[in-house]
Amino acid sequence: MRVRRVTTTRAGGRSTGPFARFNLSLGVGDDPAAVTANRARVVRELGLSGLVFLRQVHGREVAVLREPPRARPGTGGVAPDIPDVDAVVTDVPLLGIAVLAADCVPVLLGDPQAGVVGAAHAGRAGAAAGVLDAVLDEMTGLGAVPERTEVLLGPAVCGACYEVPAALRDEVEAALPGSASRTRTGTAGLDLRTGLTRRLADLGVRRVGTDPRCTIEDPDLFSHRRDGRCGRQAAITWLDPGGAPDARGSTARPAR
């Protein structure tokens, strides 16, 4: 079994205005028909049997999928969003699981030997609350081993751009050590990807890759802190039964 993963960008798609063009969120005020078309395109281009998104709430609740959810008619294989969770785990081959972000850290996890994948939305609140601990607990329950688990931290606001009050920085640092940073202007900041990497190491995960792109700095990515009203890109992972795992897993092309 091979673990595959992609992150999308703004390129392609049918959304317009502040959501142009490849917005994948139904919760930001975009035309639902455009979002549905964008999501269906992901399913087609990646060759998935289905695709699941979450209605994220900046928490640590995890959904566990042991069978494919039923897709809504006319959605091209996209299931209804799972409400009030920020992570999802599955062992179903070819079922894509996705998290949405526009500054928060999308986290994709996979143990190719066990045939288990997970996806987590790690915003400031969820990261500090332990969403990674929760998703790894559920993956372990399905046979995953932290030492075998591969993780990708996707595009997010970087520590040089993520300005917060000093008291909030200290609060997050206490809950997620390694997160405190200083911005380019010398103010208090947060680098959640560094804090998450340290937490993963504490949990026994050593195989961690980071997409270095900053959502604020990169115009090809959505950023709520930069633009306010905007769309969301997705980080998606799935199990590919057609290929054996290699030493590093696999990263497929982005859907555009």
Protein backbone atom coordinates (compact mmCIF):
# COMPACT_ATOMS: atom_id res chain seq x y z
CA MET A 1 0.00 0.00 0.00
CA ARG A 2 1.34 3.43 -0.90
CA VAL A 3 0.45 6.65 0.90
CA ARG A 4 -0.22 9.52 -1.46
CA ARG A 5 -0.72 13.16 -0.62
CA VAL A 6 -1.29 16.47 -2.36
CA THR A 7 -1.84 20.10 -1.47
CA THR A 8 -3.90 22.29 -3.77
CA THR A 9 -3.37 25.96 -4.66
CA ARG A 10 -5.58 28.75 -6.01
CA ALA A 11 -4.85 27.70 -9.62
CA GLY A 12 -7.67 26.31 -11.77
CA GLY A 13 -11.27 25.92 -10.69
CA ARG A 14 -14.54 27.78 -11.17
CA SER A 15 -14.72 30.11 -8.17
CA THR A 16 -14.66 33.86 -8.74
CA GLY A 17 -14.15 37.09 -6.82
CA PRO A 18 -12.28 36.73 -3.51
CA PHE A 19 -12.54 32.93 -3.85
CA ALA A 20 -10.82 32.73 -7.23
CA ARG A 21 -10.27 30.19 -8.37
CA PHE A 22 -9.85 26.77 -6.78
CA ASN A 23 -11.67 27.31 -3.50
CA LEU A 24 -12.64 24.00 -1.88
CA SER A 25 -14.59 25.25 1.15
CA LEU A 26 -18.38 25.39 1.38
CA GLY A 27 -18.19 27.52 4.51
CA VAL A 28 -16.79 30.83 3.27
CA GLY A 29 -19.68 32.21 1.21
CA ASP A 30 -18.64 30.96 -2.22
CA ASP A 31 -21.14 29.69 -4.80
CA PRO A 32 -21.87 26.07 -3.74
CA ALA A 33 -22.05 24.97 -7.38
CA ALA A 34 -18.54 26.26 -8.03
CA VAL A 35 -17.17 24.55 -4.92
CA THR A 36 -18.88 21.28 -5.84
CA ALA A 37 -17.36 21.44 -9.33
CA ASN A 38 -13.92 22.13 -7.85
CA ARG A 39 -14.21 19.21 -5.45
CA ALA A 40 -15.42 16.86 -8.18
CA ARG A 41 -12.38 17.81 -10.24
CA VAL A 42 -10.11 16.69 -7.42
CA VAL A 43 -11.82 13.29 -7.38
CA ARG A 44 -11.47 12.90 -11.15
CA GLU A 45 -7.88 14.05 -11.47
CA LEU A 46 -6.60 12.03 -8.53
CA GLY A 47 -8.57 8.89 -9.45
CA LEU A 48 -10.25 8.62 -6.06
CA SER A 49 -13.29 6.50 -5.25
CA GLY A 50 -14.55 9.29 -2.99
CA LEU A 51 -13.51 12.40 -1.09
CA VAL A 52 -14.34 13.58 2.42
CA PHE A 53 -14.02 17.08 3.88
CA LEU A 54 -14.62 18.27 7.44
CA ARG A 55 -16.63 21.09 8.96
CA GLN A 56 -13.71 22.28 11.07
CA VAL A 57 -14.11 24.01 14.45
CA HIS A 58 -10.52 24.49 15.69
CA GLY A 59 -10.75 21.58 18.10
CA ARG A 60 -9.24 18.11 18.52
CA GLU A 61 -12.11 15.75 17.69
CA VAL A 62 -11.31 12.96 15.20
CA ALA A 63 -13.62 11.07 12.84
CA VAL A 64 -12.67 7.46 12.03
CA LEU A 65 -13.90 6.08 8.70
CA ARG A 66 -13.84 2.29 8.29
CA GLU A 67 -16.02 2.27 5.17
CA PRO A 68 -16.62 4.79 2.38
CA PRO A 69 -19.32 7.35 3.25
CA ARG A 70 -22.13 7.78 0.75
CA ALA A 71 -21.56 10.62 -1.69
CA ARG A 72 -24.26 13.18 -2.32
CA PRO A 73 -25.95 12.92 -5.74
CA GLY A 74 -24.42 15.19 -8.34
CA THR A 75 -21.21 15.85 -6.41
CA GLY A 76 -18.87 13.62 -8.42
CA GLY A 77 -18.02 11.34 -5.49
CA VAL A 78 -17.78 13.92 -2.70
CA ALA A 79 -19.40 12.94 0.60
CA PRO A 80 -21.17 15.44 2.90
CA ASP A 81 -18.81 17.34 5.17
CA ILE A 82 -18.30 15.67 8.56
CA PRO A 83 -19.43 18.22 11.17
CA ASP A 84 -17.50 19.54 14.14
CA VAL A 85 -14.23 17.66 13.76
CA ASP A 86 -10.70 18.76 12.89
CA ALA A 87 -9.12 15.43 11.97
CA VAL A 88 -10.03 12.23 10.17
CA VAL A 89 -8.49 8.77 9.94
CA THR A 90 -9.21 5.94 7.51
CA ASP A 91 -7.94 2.59 6.29
CA VAL A 92 -10.19 2.56 3.20
CA PRO A 93 -8.15 2.44 -0.04
CA LEU A 94 -8.69 5.23 -2.59
CA LEU A 95 -10.84 7.27 -0.21
CA GLY A 96 -9.41 10.78 -0.11
CA ILE A 97 -9.53 12.57 3.24
CA ALA A 98 -9.01 16.32 3.24
CA VAL A 99 -8.50 19.27 5.55
CA LEU A 100 -8.95 22.90 4.55
CA ALA A 101 -6.68 25.80 5.45
CA ALA A 102 -5.82 29.38 4.62
CA ASP A 103 -3.08 30.02 7.25
CA CYS A 104 -3.54 27.14 9.70
CA VAL A 105 -1.31 24.09 9.34
CA PRO A 106 -2.74 21.14 7.38
CA VAL A 107 -1.15 17.90 8.58
CA LEU A 108 -1.14 14.67 6.55
CA LEU A 109 -0.08 11.43 8.22
CA GLY A 110 0.33 7.88 6.95
CA ASP A 111 1.69 4.48 7.89
CA PRO A 112 2.01 2.65 4.55
CA GLN A 113 2.79 -0.68 6.18
CA ALA A 114 -0.34 -0.62 8.34
CA GLY A 115 -2.43 0.94 5.56
CA VAL A 116 -3.71 3.83 7.66
CA VAL A 117 -3.81 7.54 6.84
CA GLY A 118 -4.89 10.62 8.76
CA ALA A 119 -5.41 14.31 8.11
CA ALA A 120 -5.58 17.07 10.72
CA HIS A 121 -6.36 20.78 10.70
CA ALA A 122 -3.90 22.28 13.18
CA GLY A 123 -4.78 25.89 13.78
CA ARG A 124 -3.51 27.71 16.83
CA ALA A 125 -6.28 26.48 19.13
CA GLY A 126 -6.37 22.90 17.85
CA ALA A 127 -2.58 22.54 17.80
CA ALA A 128 -2.35 23.73 21.40
CA ALA A 129 -5.25 21.48 22.42
CA GLY A 130 -3.46 18.38 21.10
CA VAL A 131 -5.13 17.53 17.81
CA LEU A 132 -1.98 15.66 16.72
CA ASP A 133 -2.07 13.50 19.85
CA ALA A 134 -5.70 12.69 19.14
CA VAL A 135 -5.24 11.74 15.49
CA LEU A 136 -2.20 9.59 16.24
CA ASP A 137 -4.13 7.79 18.99
CA GLU A 138 -6.84 6.88 16.49
CA MET A 139 -4.29 5.79 13.87
CA THR A 140 -2.55 3.59 16.43
CA GLY A 141 -5.89 1.98 17.17
CA LEU A 142 -6.02 0.87 13.53
CA GLY A 143 -2.51 -0.58 13.61
CA ALA A 144 -0.28 2.38 12.78
CA VAL A 145 3.07 2.74 14.54
CA PRO A 146 4.44 6.24 15.25
CA GLU A 147 7.99 5.26 14.28
CA ARG A 148 6.74 4.16 10.84
CA THR A 149 4.39 7.08 10.34
CA GLU A 150 5.27 9.69 7.71
CA VAL A 151 3.99 13.24 8.15
CA LEU A 152 3.72 16.26 5.88
CA LEU A 153 3.12 19.71 7.35
CA GLY A 154 1.56 21.72 4.56
CA PRO A 155 1.69 25.40 3.62
CA ALA A 156 0.83 27.75 6.48
CA VAL A 157 1.59 31.20 7.85
CA CYS A 158 5.24 31.28 8.87
CA GLY A 159 6.71 32.41 12.16
CA ALA A 160 8.07 35.60 10.63
CA CYS A 161 4.55 36.66 9.56
CA TYR A 162 2.28 35.29 12.29
CA GLU A 163 2.05 38.18 14.75
CA VAL A 164 0.15 37.65 18.01
CA PRO A 165 0.01 39.36 21.41
CA ALA A 166 2.88 38.34 23.67
CA ALA A 167 0.51 36.79 26.21
CA LEU A 168 -1.04 34.59 23.53
CA ARG A 169 2.39 33.57 22.26
CA ASP A 170 3.37 32.51 25.77
CA GLU A 171 0.12 30.60 26.25
CA VAL A 172 0.62 28.60 23.05
CA GLU A 173 4.30 28.04 23.81
CA ALA A 174 3.37 26.53 27.18
CA ALA A 175 0.98 24.08 25.49
CA LEU A 176 3.06 23.44 22.36
CA PRO A 177 6.76 24.06 23.10
CA GLY A 178 8.78 25.34 20.16
CA SER A 179 5.96 27.49 18.77
CA ALA A 180 7.14 30.89 20.01
CA SER A 181 8.79 33.09 17.40
CA ARG A 182 9.67 36.67 16.60
CA THR A 183 8.27 38.33 13.49
CA ARG A 184 10.27 40.31 10.97
CA THR A 185 9.24 43.49 12.72
CA GLY A 186 10.46 42.20 16.08
CA THR A 187 7.04 41.51 17.60
CA ALA A 188 5.78 38.35 19.29
CA GLY A 189 4.85 35.60 16.87
CA LEU A 190 4.02 31.93 16.44
CA ASP A 191 5.66 29.26 14.30
CA LEU A 192 3.18 26.43 14.63
CA ARG A 193 5.01 24.11 12.24
CA THR A 194 8.10 24.14 14.46
CA GLY A 195 5.99 23.43 17.53
CA LEU A 196 4.14 20.63 15.77
CA THR A 197 7.40 19.07 14.58
CA ARG A 198 8.67 19.01 18.16
CA ARG A 199 5.42 17.49 19.39
CA LEU A 200 5.55 14.79 16.72
CA ALA A 201 9.08 13.91 17.86
CA ASP A 202 7.81 13.62 21.43
CA LEU A 203 5.14 11.22 20.15
CA GLY A 204 7.74 9.05 18.41
CA VAL A 205 7.31 10.38 14.86
CA ARG A 206 10.62 11.20 13.18
CA ARG A 207 9.74 11.17 9.48
CA VAL A 208 8.38 14.69 9.12
CA GLY A 209 8.51 16.81 5.98
CA THR A 210 7.51 20.47 5.79
CA ASP A 211 6.23 22.42 2.82
CA PRO A 212 8.11 25.71 3.37
CA ARG A 213 5.58 27.99 1.66
CA CYS A 214 4.05 30.77 3.74
CA THR A 215 0.41 31.45 2.93
CA ILE A 216 0.76 35.18 3.57
CA GLU A 217 3.81 35.52 1.34
CA ASP A 218 2.70 33.28 -1.54
CA PRO A 219 -0.01 34.82 -3.79
CA ASP A 220 -0.77 31.37 -5.23
CA LEU A 221 -2.21 30.36 -1.86
CA PHE A 222 -5.26 31.55 0.05
CA SER A 223 -4.54 33.51 3.25
CA HIS A 224 -7.22 34.72 5.63
CA ARG A 225 -4.79 36.90 7.58
CA ARG A 226 -3.66 38.60 4.36
CA ASP A 227 -6.95 38.90 2.48
CA GLY A 228 -9.77 38.52 4.99
CA ARG A 229 -12.60 37.06 2.90
CA CYS A 230 -11.07 34.32 0.75
CA GLY A 231 -11.21 30.66 -0.20
CA ARG A 232 -9.44 27.65 1.27
CA GLN A 233 -6.91 25.25 -0.22
CA ALA A 234 -6.89 21.60 0.76
CA ALA A 235 -4.38 19.02 1.86
CA ILE A 236 -5.49 15.54 0.80
CA THR A 237 -4.16 12.06 1.49
CA TRP A 238 -5.25 8.56 0.49
CA LEU A 239 -4.12 4.95 0.26
CA ASP A 240 -3.14 3.69 -3.17
CA PRO A 241 -3.43 -0.13 -3.35
CA GLY A 242 -1.71 -0.16 -6.74
CA GLY A 243 1.78 0.56 -5.47
CA ALA A 244 4.10 -0.82 -2.81
CA PRO A 245 5.42 1.64 -0.22
CA ASP A 246 8.92 2.94 -0.70
CA ALA A 247 11.30 4.47 1.79
CA ARG A 248 9.75 7.91 1.59
CA GLY A 249 6.13 7.34 0.60
CA SER A 250 4.84 9.29 -2.38
CA THR A 251 3.63 12.73 -3.23
CA ALA A 252 1.28 13.04 -6.19
CA ARG A 253 0.83 16.12 -8.37
CA PRO A 254 -1.36 18.93 -7.04
CA ALA A 255 -4.89 19.12 -8.38
CA ARG A 256 -5.33 22.35 -10.32
